[in-house]
Amino acid sequence: MAKRMIAFLLCALGVLLIVAFAMGAASTGGSASAKHGEAAAALAPAAYTLEGCWAYFAAGPCYDIYRDGAGNYWICLTCGNTTKPGPSQCKKITLQQLNRGYWCS
């Protein structure tokens, strides 16, 4: 009897979790294409400013470092080779990581 009660309670808990998850997913709203557009806009701020060339190690190689309009830093291609800074050619890098590396002249 106790085993059946435990099994029933576990099943009921599972169903409740599934329903709660479905309700949470439904409350986010919006279409997938609208969400994709918002994400792309968040990843591609309007302006990137070249901060300089930077290297992980003193011996190089050096990479272009850009800062976006939101203040995020981006590490891009080797110095002078980044044509369109953004998520397609760059990846985010933190200020802490930059402080551990070397700025190239």
PDB file of N, CA and C in Angstrom:
ATOM      1  N   MET A   1       0.823  -1.189   0.000  1.00  0.00           N
ATOM      2  CA  MET A   1       0.000   0.000   0.000  1.00  0.00           C
ATOM      3  C   MET A   1       0.867   1.253   0.000  1.00  0.00           C
ATOM      4  N   ALA A   2       1.905   1.284   0.840  1.00  0.00           N
ATOM      5  CA  ALA A   2       2.770   2.454   0.935  1.00  0.00           C
ATOM      6  C   ALA A   2       3.531   2.664  -0.373  1.00  0.00           C
ATOM      7  N   LYS A   3       3.941   1.570  -1.012  1.00  0.00           N
ATOM      8  CA  LYS A   3       4.670   1.680  -2.270  1.00  0.00           C
ATOM      9  C   LYS A   3       3.794   2.290  -3.359  1.00  0.00           C
ATOM     10  N   ARG A   4       2.526   1.901  -3.377  1.00  0.00           N
ATOM     11  CA  ARG A   4       1.604   2.457  -4.373  1.00  0.00           C
ATOM     12  C   ARG A   4       1.385   3.944  -4.132  1.00  0.00           C
ATOM     13  N   MET A   5       1.273   4.331  -2.878  1.00  0.00           N
ATOM     14  CA  MET A   5       1.057   5.740  -2.540  1.00  0.00           C
ATOM     15  C   MET A   5       2.275   6.571  -2.969  1.00  0.00           C
ATOM     16  N   ILE A   6       3.457   6.069  -2.718  1.00  0.00           N
ATOM     17  CA  ILE A   6       4.679   6.781  -3.111  1.00  0.00           C
ATOM     18  C   ILE A   6       4.756   6.897  -4.635  1.00  0.00           C
ATOM     19  N   ALA A   7       4.444   5.801  -5.334  1.00  0.00           N
ATOM     20  CA  ALA A   7       4.468   5.830  -6.792  1.00  0.00           C
ATOM     21  C   ALA A   7       3.448   6.832  -7.326  1.00  0.00           C
ATOM     22  N   PHE A   8       2.254   6.848  -6.748  1.00  0.00           N
ATOM     23  CA  PHE A   8       1.225   7.797  -7.167  1.00  0.00           C
ATOM     24  C   PHE A   8       1.680   9.232  -6.936  1.00  0.00           C
ATOM     25  N   LEU A   9       2.265   9.522  -5.775  1.00  0.00           N
ATOM     26  CA  LEU A   9       2.730  10.871  -5.475  1.00  0.00           C
ATOM     27  C   LEU A   9       3.856  11.310  -6.426  1.00  0.00           C
ATOM     28  N   LEU A  10       4.753  10.397  -6.747  1.00  0.00           N
ATOM     29  CA  LEU A  10       5.826  10.720  -7.693  1.00  0.00           C
ATOM     30  C   LEU A  10       5.276  11.015  -9.087  1.00  0.00           C
ATOM     31  N   CYS A  11       4.308  10.242  -9.515  1.00  0.00           N
ATOM     32  CA  CYS A  11       3.674  10.501 -10.817  1.00  0.00           C
ATOM     33  C   CYS A  11       2.957  11.842 -10.819  1.00  0.00           C
ATOM     34  N   ALA A  12       2.238  12.130  -9.753  1.00  0.00           N
ATOM     35  CA  ALA A  12       1.520  13.404  -9.653  1.00  0.00           C
ATOM     36  C   ALA A  12       2.504  14.568  -9.651  1.00  0.00           C
ATOM     37  N   LEU A  13       3.612  14.427  -8.962  1.00  0.00           N
ATOM     38  CA  LEU A  13       4.635  15.465  -8.943  1.00  0.00           C
ATOM     39  C   LEU A  13       5.226  15.662 -10.338  1.00  0.00           C
ATOM     40  N   GLY A  14       5.467  14.587 -11.044  1.00  0.00           N
ATOM     41  CA  GLY A  14       5.982  14.679 -12.401  1.00  0.00           C
ATOM     42  C   GLY A  14       5.031  15.425 -13.330  1.00  0.00           C
ATOM     43  N   VAL A  15       3.741  15.116 -13.224  1.00  0.00           N
ATOM     44  CA  VAL A  15       2.739  15.789 -14.054  1.00  0.00           C
ATOM     45  C   VAL A  15       2.688  17.279 -13.716  1.00  0.00           C
ATOM     46  N   LEU A  16       2.733  17.608 -12.438  1.00  0.00           N
ATOM     47  CA  LEU A  16       2.718  19.012 -12.032  1.00  0.00           C
ATOM     48  C   LEU A  16       3.942  19.760 -12.555  1.00  0.00           C
ATOM     49  N   LEU A  17       5.100  19.137 -12.517  1.00  0.00           N
ATOM     50  CA  LEU A  17       6.308  19.774 -13.045  1.00  0.00           C
ATOM     51  C   LEU A  17       6.207  20.015 -14.544  1.00  0.00           C
ATOM     52  N   ILE A  18       5.665  19.055 -15.263  1.00  0.00           N
ATOM     53  CA  ILE A  18       5.498  19.212 -16.712  1.00  0.00           C
ATOM     54  C   ILE A  18       4.547  20.359 -17.013  1.00  0.00           C
ATOM     55  N   VAL A  19       3.445  20.438 -16.299  1.00  0.00           N
ATOM     56  CA  VAL A  19       2.476  21.516 -16.502  1.00  0.00           C
ATOM     57  C   VAL A  19       3.102  22.862 -16.156  1.00  0.00           C
ATOM     58  N   ALA A  20       3.845  22.939 -15.052  1.00  0.00           N
ATOM     59  CA  ALA A  20       4.482  24.196 -14.653  1.00  0.00           C
ATOM     60  C   ALA A  20       5.506  24.634 -15.696  1.00  0.00           C
ATOM     61  N   PHE A  21       6.266  23.702 -16.228  1.00  0.00           N
ATOM     62  CA  PHE A  21       7.255  24.031 -17.259  1.00  0.00           C
ATOM     63  C   PHE A  21       6.555  24.533 -18.516  1.00  0.00           C
ATOM     64  N   ALA A  22       5.480  23.890 -18.917  1.00  0.00           N
ATOM     65  CA  ALA A  22       4.743  24.307 -20.112  1.00  0.00           C
ATOM     66  C   ALA A  22       4.150  25.704 -19.925  1.00  0.00           C
ATOM     67  N   MET A  23       3.642  25.992 -18.748  1.00  0.00           N
ATOM     68  CA  MET A  23       3.079  27.319 -18.487  1.00  0.00           C
ATOM     69  C   MET A  23       4.174  28.381 -18.495  1.00  0.00           C
ATOM     70  N   GLY A  24       5.346  28.065 -17.977  1.00  0.00           N
ATOM     71  CA  GLY A  24       6.456  29.009 -17.981  1.00  0.00           C
ATOM     72  C   GLY A  24       6.935  29.295 -19.384  1.00  0.00           C
ATOM     73  N   ALA A  25       6.997  28.271 -20.224  1.00  0.00           N
ATOM     74  CA  ALA A  25       7.422  28.452 -21.611  1.00  0.00           C
ATOM     75  C   ALA A  25       6.393  29.260 -22.389  1.00  0.00           C
ATOM     76  N   ALA A  26       5.118  29.052 -22.103  1.00  0.00           N
ATOM     77  CA  ALA A  26       4.064  29.775 -22.816  1.00  0.00           C
ATOM     78  C   ALA A  26       4.019  31.246 -22.395  1.00  0.00           C
ATOM     79  N   SER A  27       4.402  31.549 -21.160  1.00  0.00           N
ATOM     80  CA  SER A  27       4.314  32.934 -20.685  1.00  0.00           C
ATOM     81  C   SER A  27       5.379  33.831 -21.280  1.00  0.00           C
ATOM     82  N   THR A  28       6.447  33.265 -21.876  1.00  0.00           N
ATOM     83  CA  THR A  28       7.482  34.103 -22.480  1.00  0.00           C
ATOM     84  C   THR A  28       6.958  34.804 -23.711  1.00  0.00           C
ATOM     85  N   GLY A  29       6.028  34.213 -24.423  1.00  0.00           N
ATOM     86  CA  GLY A  29       5.349  34.848 -25.549  1.00  0.00           C
ATOM     87  C   GLY A  29       6.262  35.181 -26.705  1.00  0.00           C
ATOM     88  N   GLY A  30       5.671  35.747 -27.780  1.00  0.00           N
ATOM     89  CA  GLY A  30       6.441  36.160 -28.949  1.00  0.00           C
ATOM     90  C   GLY A  30       6.715  35.006 -29.881  1.00  0.00           C
ATOM     91  N   SER A  31       6.916  35.352 -31.131  1.00  0.00           N
ATOM     92  CA  SER A  31       7.204  34.323 -32.119  1.00  0.00           C
ATOM     93  C   SER A  31       8.694  34.037 -32.138  1.00  0.00           C
ATOM     94  N   ALA A  32       9.059  32.909 -32.704  1.00  0.00           N
ATOM     95  CA  ALA A  32      10.460  32.522 -32.775  1.00  0.00           C
ATOM     96  C   ALA A  32      11.253  33.508 -33.629  1.00  0.00           C
ATOM     97  N   SER A  33      10.670  33.978 -34.725  1.00  0.00           N
ATOM     98  CA  SER A  33      11.402  34.908 -35.585  1.00  0.00           C
ATOM     99  C   SER A  33      11.584  36.252 -34.901  1.00  0.00           C
ATOM    100  N   ALA A  34      10.617  36.691 -34.117  1.00  0.00           N
ATOM    101  CA  ALA A  34      10.765  37.945 -33.388  1.00  0.00           C
ATOM    102  C   ALA A  34      11.853  37.814 -32.334  1.00  0.00           C
ATOM    103  N   LYS A  35      11.877  36.680 -31.648  1.00  0.00           N
ATOM    104  CA  LYS A  35      12.910  36.458 -30.655  1.00  0.00           C
ATOM    105  C   LYS A  35      14.275  36.411 -31.308  1.00  0.00           C
ATOM    106  N   HIS A  36      14.375  35.783 -32.478  1.00  0.00           N
ATOM    107  CA  HIS A  36      15.646  35.715 -33.184  1.00  0.00           C
ATOM    108  C   HIS A  36      16.104  37.119 -33.569  1.00  0.00           C
ATOM    109  N   GLY A  37      15.202  37.943 -34.009  1.00  0.00           N
ATOM    110  CA  GLY A  37      15.539  39.316 -34.378  1.00  0.00           C
ATOM    111  C   GLY A  37      16.011  40.117 -33.182  1.00  0.00           C
ATOM    112  N   GLU A  38      15.365  39.924 -32.025  1.00  0.00           N
ATOM    113  CA  GLU A  38      15.786  40.611 -30.811  1.00  0.00           C
ATOM    114  C   GLU A  38      17.163  40.142 -30.385  1.00  0.00           C
ATOM    115  N   ALA A  39      17.427  38.845 -30.487  1.00  0.00           N
ATOM    116  CA  ALA A  39      18.734  38.320 -30.108  1.00  0.00           C
ATOM    117  C   ALA A  39      19.815  38.849 -31.037  1.00  0.00           C
ATOM    118  N   ALA A  40      19.521  38.920 -32.323  1.00  0.00           N
ATOM    119  CA  ALA A  40      20.501  39.434 -33.272  1.00  0.00           C
ATOM    120  C   ALA A  40      20.786  40.904 -33.001  1.00  0.00           C
ATOM    121  N   ALA A  41      19.766  41.659 -32.648  1.00  0.00           N
ATOM    122  CA  ALA A  41      19.971  43.071 -32.334  1.00  0.00           C
ATOM    123  C   ALA A  41      20.811  43.220 -31.072  1.00  0.00           C
ATOM    124  N   ALA A  42      20.620  42.336 -30.107  1.00  0.00           N
ATOM    125  CA  ALA A  42      21.400  42.405 -28.883  1.00  0.00           C
ATOM    126  C   ALA A  42      22.856  42.031 -29.137  1.00  0.00           C
ATOM    127  N   LEU A  43      23.099  41.136 -30.090  1.00  0.00           N
ATOM    128  CA  LEU A  43      24.458  40.718 -30.402  1.00  0.00           C
ATOM    129  C   LEU A  43      25.182  41.705 -31.297  1.00  0.00           C
ATOM    130  N   ALA A  44      24.471  42.522 -32.019  1.00  0.00           N
ATOM    131  CA  ALA A  44      25.096  43.411 -32.980  1.00  0.00           C
ATOM    132  C   ALA A  44      24.774  44.872 -32.666  1.00  0.00           C
ATOM    133  N   PRO A  45      25.426  45.433 -31.650  1.00  0.00           N
ATOM    134  CA  PRO A  45      25.194  46.841 -31.356  1.00  0.00           C
ATOM    135  C   PRO A  45      25.581  47.714 -32.545  1.00  0.00           C
ATOM    136  N   ALA A  46      25.048  48.917 -32.579  1.00  0.00           N
ATOM    137  CA  ALA A  46      25.196  49.780 -33.736  1.00  0.00           C
ATOM    138  C   ALA A  46      26.635  50.181 -34.005  1.00  0.00           C
ATOM    139  N   ALA A  47      27.439  50.430 -32.972  1.00  0.00           N
ATOM    140  CA  ALA A  47      28.774  50.961 -33.199  1.00  0.00           C
ATOM    141  C   ALA A  47      29.830  50.155 -32.461  1.00  0.00           C
ATOM    142  N   TYR A  48      30.921  49.881 -33.154  1.00  0.00           N
ATOM    143  CA  TYR A  48      32.084  49.246 -32.552  1.00  0.00           C
ATOM    144  C   TYR A  48      33.244  50.216 -32.663  1.00  0.00           C
ATOM    145  N   THR A  49      33.996  50.356 -31.575  1.00  0.00           N
ATOM    146  CA  THR A  49      35.149  51.241 -31.559  1.00  0.00           C
ATOM    147  C   THR A  49      36.399  50.408 -31.339  1.00  0.00           C
ATOM    148  N   LEU A  50      37.386  50.599 -32.202  1.00  0.00           N
ATOM    149  CA  LEU A  50      38.640  49.870 -32.063  1.00  0.00           C
ATOM    150  C   LEU A  50      39.374  50.385 -30.833  1.00  0.00           C
ATOM    151  N   GLU A  51      39.688  49.474 -29.923  1.00  0.00           N
ATOM    152  CA  GLU A  51      40.417  49.830 -28.707  1.00  0.00           C
ATOM    153  C   GLU A  51      41.917  49.650 -28.890  1.00  0.00           C
ATOM    154  N   GLY A  52      42.320  48.776 -29.798  1.00  0.00           N
ATOM    155  CA  GLY A  52      43.737  48.526 -30.049  1.00  0.00           C
ATOM    156  C   GLY A  52      43.995  47.071 -30.351  1.00  0.00           C
ATOM    157  N   CYS A  53      45.277  46.721 -30.363  1.00  0.00           N
ATOM    158  CA  CYS A  53      45.691  45.338 -30.595  1.00  0.00           C
ATOM    159  C   CYS A  53      46.133  44.735 -29.275  1.00  0.00           C
ATOM    160  N   TRP A  54      45.816  43.476 -29.073  1.00  0.00           N
ATOM    161  CA  TRP A  54      46.029  42.813 -27.795  1.00  0.00           C
ATOM    162  C   TRP A  54      46.437  41.373 -28.039  1.00  0.00           C
ATOM    163  N   ALA A  55      47.235  40.810 -27.106  1.00  0.00           N
ATOM    164  CA  ALA A  55      47.685  39.423 -27.215  1.00  0.00           C
ATOM    165  C   ALA A  55      47.504  38.704 -25.883  1.00  0.00           C
ATOM    166  N   TYR A  56      47.233  37.404 -25.969  1.00  0.00           N
ATOM    167  CA  TYR A  56      47.135  36.576 -24.768  1.00  0.00           C
ATOM    168  C   TYR A  56      48.511  36.447 -24.106  1.00  0.00           C
ATOM    169  N   PHE A  57      49.568  36.379 -24.936  1.00  0.00           N
ATOM    170  CA  PHE A  57      50.936  36.182 -24.468  1.00  0.00           C
ATOM    171  C   PHE A  57      51.823  37.293 -25.015  1.00  0.00           C
ATOM    172  N   ALA A  58      52.921  37.588 -24.328  1.00  0.00           N
ATOM    173  CA  ALA A  58      53.821  38.661 -24.747  1.00  0.00           C
ATOM    174  C   ALA A  58      54.390  38.409 -26.147  1.00  0.00           C
ATOM    175  N   ALA A  59      54.529  37.153 -26.520  1.00  0.00           N
ATOM    176  CA  ALA A  59      55.084  36.812 -27.829  1.00  0.00           C
ATOM    177  C   ALA A  59      54.060  36.912 -28.956  1.00  0.00           C
ATOM    178  N   GLY A  60      52.795  37.226 -28.628  1.00  0.00           N
ATOM    179  CA  GLY A  60      51.757  37.365 -29.662  1.00  0.00           C
ATOM    180  C   GLY A  60      51.076  36.059 -29.940  1.00  0.00           C
ATOM    181  N   PRO A  61      50.280  35.965 -30.959  1.00  0.00           N
ATOM    182  CA  PRO A  61      49.917  36.982 -31.944  1.00  0.00           C
ATOM    183  C   PRO A  61      48.943  38.014 -31.374  1.00  0.00           C
ATOM    184  N   CYS A  62      48.863  39.155 -32.050  1.00  0.00           N
ATOM    185  CA  CYS A  62      48.010  40.247 -31.608  1.00  0.00           C
ATOM    186  C   CYS A  62      46.668  40.222 -32.338  1.00  0.00           C
ATOM    187  N   TYR A  63      45.606  40.566 -31.621  1.00  0.00           N
ATOM    188  CA  TYR A  63      44.255  40.570 -32.164  1.00  0.00           C
ATOM    189  C   TYR A  63      43.625  41.945 -31.989  1.00  0.00           C
ATOM    190  N   ASP A  64      42.716  42.286 -32.903  1.00  0.00           N
ATOM    191  CA  ASP A  64      41.943  43.514 -32.779  1.00  0.00           C
ATOM    192  C   ASP A  64      40.987  43.385 -31.604  1.00  0.00           C
ATOM    193  N   ILE A  65      40.915  44.431 -30.777  1.00  0.00           N
ATOM    194  CA  ILE A  65      39.957  44.491 -29.675  1.00  0.00           C
ATOM    195  C   ILE A  65      39.026  45.658 -29.948  1.00  0.00           C
ATOM    196  N   TYR A  66      37.729  45.366 -29.975  1.00  0.00           N
ATOM    197  CA  TYR A  66      36.701  46.385 -30.195  1.00  0.00           C
ATOM    198  C   TYR A  66      35.824  46.486 -28.959  1.00  0.00           C
ATOM    199  N   ARG A  67      35.212  47.637 -28.795  1.00  0.00           N
ATOM    200  CA  ARG A  67      34.228  47.849 -27.728  1.00  0.00           C
ATOM    201  C   ARG A  67      32.931  48.278 -28.380  1.00  0.00           C
ATOM    202  N   ASP A  68      31.824  47.646 -27.988  1.00  0.00           N
ATOM    203  CA  ASP A  68      30.534  47.990 -28.583  1.00  0.00           C
ATOM    204  C   ASP A  68      29.854  49.100 -27.799  1.00  0.00           C
ATOM    205  N   GLY A  69      28.702  49.531 -28.297  1.00  0.00           N
ATOM    206  CA  GLY A  69      27.960  50.618 -27.674  1.00  0.00           C
ATOM    207  C   GLY A  69      27.492  50.311 -26.266  1.00  0.00           C
ATOM    208  N   ALA A  70      27.394  49.034 -25.912  1.00  0.00           N
ATOM    209  CA  ALA A  70      26.958  48.639 -24.577  1.00  0.00           C
ATOM    210  C   ALA A  70      28.131  48.508 -23.607  1.00  0.00           C
ATOM    211  N   GLY A  71      29.357  48.724 -24.091  1.00  0.00           N
ATOM    212  CA  GLY A  71      30.530  48.633 -23.232  1.00  0.00           C
ATOM    213  C   GLY A  71      31.182  47.268 -23.191  1.00  0.00           C
ATOM    214  N   ASN A  72      30.694  46.321 -24.001  1.00  0.00           N
ATOM    215  CA  ASN A  72      31.276  44.982 -24.046  1.00  0.00           C
ATOM    216  C   ASN A  72      32.524  44.996 -24.917  1.00  0.00           C
ATOM    217  N   TYR A  73      33.513  44.190 -24.531  1.00  0.00           N
ATOM    218  CA  TYR A  73      34.731  44.068 -25.323  1.00  0.00           C
ATOM    219  C   TYR A  73      34.627  42.832 -26.212  1.00  0.00           C
ATOM    220  N   TRP A  74      35.201  42.947 -27.411  1.00  0.00           N
ATOM    221  CA  TRP A  74      35.179  41.866 -28.396  1.00  0.00           C
ATOM    222  C   TRP A  74      36.589  41.645 -28.920  1.00  0.00           C
ATOM    223  N   ILE A  75      37.029  40.376 -28.975  1.00  0.00           N
ATOM    224  CA  ILE A  75      38.298  40.030 -29.579  1.00  0.00           C
ATOM    225  C   ILE A  75      37.999  39.500 -30.972  1.00  0.00           C
ATOM    226  N   CYS A  76      38.711  40.048 -31.944  1.00  0.00           N
ATOM    227  CA  CYS A  76      38.392  39.736 -33.343  1.00  0.00           C
ATOM    228  C   CYS A  76      39.569  39.054 -34.022  1.00  0.00           C
ATOM    229  N   LEU A  77      39.732  39.310 -35.291  1.00  0.00           N
ATOM    230  CA  LEU A  77      40.788  38.685 -36.082  1.00  0.00           C
ATOM    231  C   LEU A  77      42.140  39.308 -35.748  1.00  0.00           C
ATOM    232  N   THR A  78      43.205  38.770 -36.332  1.00  0.00           N
ATOM    233  CA  THR A  78      44.526  39.336 -36.078  1.00  0.00           C
ATOM    234  C   THR A  78      44.536  40.804 -36.481  1.00  0.00           C
ATOM    235  N   CYS A  79      45.380  41.575 -35.827  1.00  0.00           N
ATOM    236  CA  CYS A  79      45.395  43.033 -35.978  1.00  0.00           C
ATOM    237  C   CYS A  79      45.362  43.475 -37.438  1.00  0.00           C
ATOM    238  N   GLY A  80      44.418  44.376 -37.693  1.00  0.00           N
ATOM    239  CA  GLY A  80      44.282  44.947 -39.022  1.00  0.00           C
ATOM    240  C   GLY A  80      43.480  44.118 -40.004  1.00  0.00           C
ATOM    241  N   ASN A  81      43.026  42.933 -39.609  1.00  0.00           N
ATOM    242  CA  ASN A  81      42.300  42.055 -40.534  1.00  0.00           C
ATOM    243  C   ASN A  81      40.799  42.014 -40.293  1.00  0.00           C
ATOM    244  N   THR A  82      40.300  42.678 -39.271  1.00  0.00           N
ATOM    245  CA  THR A  82      38.869  42.679 -38.991  1.00  0.00           C
ATOM    246  C   THR A  82      38.198  43.718 -39.876  1.00  0.00           C
ATOM    247  N   THR A  83      37.313  43.255 -40.762  1.00  0.00           N
ATOM    248  CA  THR A  83      36.636  44.175 -41.681  1.00  0.00           C
ATOM    249  C   THR A  83      35.271  44.600 -41.154  1.00  0.00           C
ATOM    250  N   LYS A  84      34.551  43.683 -40.522  1.00  0.00           N
ATOM    251  CA  LYS A  84      33.222  43.985 -39.979  1.00  0.00           C
ATOM    252  C   LYS A  84      33.144  43.450 -38.560  1.00  0.00           C
ATOM    253  N   PRO A  85      33.527  44.263 -37.569  1.00  0.00           N
ATOM    254  CA  PRO A  85      33.471  43.752 -36.197  1.00  0.00           C
ATOM    255  C   PRO A  85      32.037  43.399 -35.806  1.00  0.00           C
ATOM    256  N   GLY A  86      31.902  42.292 -35.161  1.00  0.00           N
ATOM    257  CA  GLY A  86      30.600  41.799 -34.733  1.00  0.00           C
ATOM    258  C   GLY A  86      30.682  40.317 -34.472  1.00  0.00           C
ATOM    259  N   PRO A  87      29.570  39.688 -34.144  1.00  0.00           N
ATOM    260  CA  PRO A  87      29.558  38.266 -33.788  1.00  0.00           C
ATOM    261  C   PRO A  87      30.077  37.335 -34.878  1.00  0.00           C
ATOM    262  N   SER A  88      30.060  37.765 -36.140  1.00  0.00           N
ATOM    263  CA  SER A  88      30.531  36.874 -37.197  1.00  0.00           C
ATOM    264  C   SER A  88      32.054  36.782 -37.226  1.00  0.00           C
ATOM    265  N   GLN A  89      32.749  37.826 -36.801  1.00  0.00           N
ATOM    266  CA  GLN A  89      34.210  37.815 -36.836  1.00  0.00           C
ATOM    267  C   GLN A  89      34.835  37.903 -35.446  1.00  0.00           C
ATOM    268  N   CYS A  90      34.036  38.100 -34.427  1.00  0.00           N
ATOM    269  CA  CYS A  90      34.564  38.356 -33.084  1.00  0.00           C
ATOM    270  C   CYS A  90      33.845  37.518 -32.037  1.00  0.00           C
ATOM    271  N   LYS A  91      34.442  37.458 -30.855  1.00  0.00           N
ATOM    272  CA  LYS A  91      33.776  36.849 -29.709  1.00  0.00           C
ATOM    273  C   LYS A  91      34.013  37.746 -28.505  1.00  0.00           C
ATOM    274  N   LYS A  92      33.105  37.695 -27.557  1.00  0.00           N
ATOM    275  CA  LYS A  92      33.212  38.548 -26.377  1.00  0.00           C
ATOM    276  C   LYS A  92      34.409  38.136 -25.535  1.00  0.00           C
ATOM    277  N   ILE A  93      35.001  39.138 -24.902  1.00  0.00           N
ATOM    278  CA  ILE A  93      36.100  38.920 -23.980  1.00  0.00           C
ATOM    279  C   ILE A  93      35.880  39.865 -22.801  1.00  0.00           C
ATOM    280  N   THR A  94      36.231  39.444 -21.616  1.00  0.00           N
ATOM    281  CA  THR A  94      35.983  40.261 -20.435  1.00  0.00           C
ATOM    282  C   THR A  94      37.157  41.199 -20.170  1.00  0.00           C
ATOM    283  N   LEU A  95      36.885  42.231 -19.405  1.00  0.00           N
ATOM    284  CA  LEU A  95      37.929  43.172 -19.016  1.00  0.00           C
ATOM    285  C   LEU A  95      38.976  42.463 -18.161  1.00  0.00           C
ATOM    286  N   GLN A  96      38.559  41.507 -17.356  1.00  0.00           N
ATOM    287  CA  GLN A  96      39.504  40.750 -16.536  1.00  0.00           C
ATOM    288  C   GLN A  96      40.480  39.976 -17.416  1.00  0.00           C
ATOM    289  N   GLN A  97      39.993  39.378 -18.500  1.00  0.00           N
ATOM    290  CA  GLN A  97      40.876  38.664 -19.418  1.00  0.00           C
ATOM    291  C   GLN A  97      41.839  39.639 -20.090  1.00  0.00           C
ATOM    292  N   LEU A  98      41.323  40.793 -20.484  1.00  0.00           N
ATOM    293  CA  LEU A  98      42.187  41.792 -21.119  1.00  0.00           C
ATOM    294  C   LEU A  98      43.284  42.257 -20.162  1.00  0.00           C
ATOM    295  N   ASN A  99      42.960  42.382 -18.895  1.00  0.00           N
ATOM    296  CA  ASN A  99      43.953  42.817 -17.920  1.00  0.00           C
ATOM    297  C   ASN A  99      45.059  41.782 -17.702  1.00  0.00           C
ATOM    298  N   ARG A 100      44.796  40.528 -18.049  1.00  0.00           N
ATOM    299  CA  ARG A 100      45.805  39.474 -17.897  1.00  0.00           C
ATOM    300  C   ARG A 100      46.680  39.324 -19.136  1.00  0.00           C
ATOM    301  N   GLY A 101      46.310  39.999 -20.227  1.00  0.00           N
ATOM    302  CA  GLY A 101      47.062  39.874 -21.472  1.00  0.00           C
ATOM    303  C   GLY A 101      47.990  41.057 -21.684  1.00  0.00           C
ATOM    304  N   TYR A 102      48.374  41.272 -22.952  1.00  0.00           N
ATOM    305  CA  TYR A 102      49.348  42.287 -23.316  1.00  0.00           C
ATOM    306  C   TYR A 102      48.823  43.124 -24.464  1.00  0.00           C
ATOM    307  N   TRP A 103      48.924  44.439 -24.340  1.00  0.00           N
ATOM    308  CA  TRP A 103      48.551  45.332 -25.426  1.00  0.00           C
ATOM    309  C   TRP A 103      49.744  45.465 -26.357  1.00  0.00           C
ATOM    310  N   CYS A 104      49.491  45.285 -27.636  1.00  0.00           N
ATOM    311  CA  CYS A 104      50.548  45.359 -28.646  1.00  0.00           C
ATOM    312  C   CYS A 104      50.728  46.804 -29.093  1.00  0.00           C
ATOM    313  N   SER A 105      51.921  47.133 -29.550  1.00  0.00           N
ATOM    314  CA  SER A 105      52.155  48.512 -30.005  1.00  0.00           C
ATOM    315  C   SER A 105      51.752  48.682 -31.452  1.00  0.00           C
TER     316      SER A 105
END
